[in-house]
Amino acid sequence: FEPSTFSCIGQPCSYPTGIPFAASPACLEALENLTHGAVCTTQCLEGYIPSEAYLYCYGSLMRPSSFQCIPNTTYANYETPGSRIAKAWSKNMATAALSDGFV
């Protein structure tokens, strides 16, 4: 075989689009395409919380495939501590605090 050595490289993922109340861009990492193995830190508009804190690019597919932006009031009124949305909210609030210099 030519060449005698080779490597397999996963295809990039496209940015999540069409998500109501998502920030623009929907990922904190402002790249045109997310490379194989990259992480998308989800972002929503003020007053909304992402249902997933992160999406992962693996072989041109995002895992999980998408996220939702949920109103803060929905989280406060209906989600129980330890749920997936509660964990995403906690991670994103901590990330926001660090990036804004509050911690």
Protein backbone atom coordinates (compact mmCIF):
# COMPACT_ATOMS: atom_id res chain seq x y z
CA PHE A 1 0.00 0.00 0.00
CA GLU A 2 1.07 3.55 -0.64
CA PRO A 3 1.71 5.31 1.65
CA SER A 4 2.87 2.63 4.04
CA THR A 5 1.41 4.48 7.04
CA PHE A 6 -1.79 6.43 7.31
CA SER A 7 -4.24 7.69 9.92
CA CYS A 8 -8.00 8.06 9.99
CA ILE A 9 -9.29 11.49 10.87
CA GLY A 10 -12.93 12.05 11.81
CA GLN A 11 -14.93 14.61 9.86
CA PRO A 12 -15.85 17.96 11.47
CA CYS A 13 -19.33 18.78 12.76
CA SER A 14 -21.51 21.70 11.79
CA TYR A 15 -22.56 24.25 14.37
CA PRO A 16 -25.99 23.72 15.88
CA THR A 17 -28.52 25.99 14.17
CA GLY A 18 -32.22 26.76 14.37
CA ILE A 19 -32.38 26.49 18.17
CA PRO A 20 -34.94 28.94 19.56
CA PHE A 21 -33.37 31.42 22.02
CA ALA A 22 -29.81 30.14 21.41
CA ALA A 23 -27.03 32.71 21.32
CA SER A 24 -25.23 33.41 18.07
CA PRO A 25 -23.05 31.48 17.76
CA ALA A 26 -24.71 28.67 19.71
CA CYS A 27 -21.27 27.41 20.83
CA LEU A 28 -18.87 29.44 22.94
CA GLU A 29 -16.07 28.16 20.71
CA ALA A 30 -16.51 30.48 17.71
CA LEU A 31 -15.20 28.26 14.93
CA GLU A 32 -16.78 27.74 11.53
CA ASN A 33 -16.77 23.96 11.96
CA LEU A 34 -16.12 21.93 15.05
CA THR A 35 -13.29 19.50 14.40
CA HIS A 36 -13.57 15.82 15.28
CA GLY A 37 -13.13 15.51 19.04
CA ALA A 38 -14.01 19.19 19.72
CA VAL A 39 -16.42 20.39 22.39
CA CYS A 40 -19.25 22.87 21.90
CA THR A 41 -20.03 24.78 25.09
CA THR A 42 -23.70 25.62 24.56
CA GLN A 43 -24.96 29.19 24.89
CA CYS A 44 -28.44 30.66 25.20
CA LEU A 45 -29.73 34.19 25.26
CA GLU A 46 -30.05 35.93 28.61
CA GLY A 47 -32.94 34.50 30.59
CA TYR A 48 -32.52 30.99 29.13
CA ILE A 49 -30.51 27.96 30.21
CA PRO A 50 -29.14 25.25 27.88
CA SER A 51 -30.54 21.76 28.44
CA GLU A 52 -27.05 20.37 27.72
CA ALA A 53 -23.89 22.10 28.96
CA TYR A 54 -21.76 20.59 26.18
CA LEU A 55 -22.08 18.90 22.81
CA TYR A 56 -19.25 16.72 21.54
CA CYS A 57 -18.20 16.31 17.89
CA TYR A 58 -17.47 12.74 16.94
CA GLY A 59 -17.20 11.63 13.31
CA SER A 60 -19.30 14.53 11.93
CA LEU A 61 -22.10 13.95 14.47
CA MET A 62 -22.80 16.02 17.57
CA ARG A 63 -23.43 14.03 20.75
CA PRO A 64 -26.04 14.75 22.05
CA SER A 65 -27.37 15.87 18.68
CA SER A 66 -28.71 19.23 19.91
CA PHE A 67 -29.89 21.20 22.93
CA GLN A 68 -32.77 23.42 23.95
CA CYS A 69 -32.80 26.84 25.56
CA ILE A 70 -35.17 26.68 28.50
CA PRO A 71 -36.49 29.78 30.30
CA ASN A 72 -34.91 30.34 33.72
CA THR A 73 -38.37 30.25 35.27
CA THR A 74 -38.96 26.73 33.91
CA TYR A 75 -35.82 25.51 35.62
CA ALA A 76 -36.66 27.23 38.88
CA ASN A 77 -40.23 25.93 38.97
CA TYR A 78 -40.03 22.42 37.54
CA GLU A 79 -36.53 20.94 37.63
CA THR A 80 -35.25 19.04 40.61
CA PRO A 81 -31.64 19.30 41.83
CA GLY A 82 -29.42 16.72 40.16
CA SER A 83 -31.43 16.56 36.93
CA ARG A 84 -29.69 16.92 33.57
CA ILE A 85 -31.01 20.48 33.16
CA ALA A 86 -29.99 21.40 36.70
CA LYS A 87 -26.47 20.08 36.10
CA ALA A 88 -26.21 21.97 32.78
CA TRP A 89 -27.46 25.12 34.48
CA SER A 90 -24.90 24.79 37.27
CA LYS A 91 -22.01 24.22 34.86
CA ASN A 92 -23.00 27.12 32.62
CA MET A 93 -23.49 29.50 35.53
CA ALA A 94 -20.03 28.58 36.86
CA THR A 95 -18.50 29.06 33.40
CA ALA A 96 -20.22 32.42 33.01
CA ALA A 97 -19.03 33.55 36.43
CA LEU A 98 -15.44 32.59 35.63
CA SER A 99 -15.46 34.28 32.22
CA ASP A 100 -17.00 37.44 33.68
CA GLY A 101 -14.48 37.57 36.53
CA PHE A 102 -17.02 37.05 39.31
CA VAL A 103 -15.20 34.15 40.96
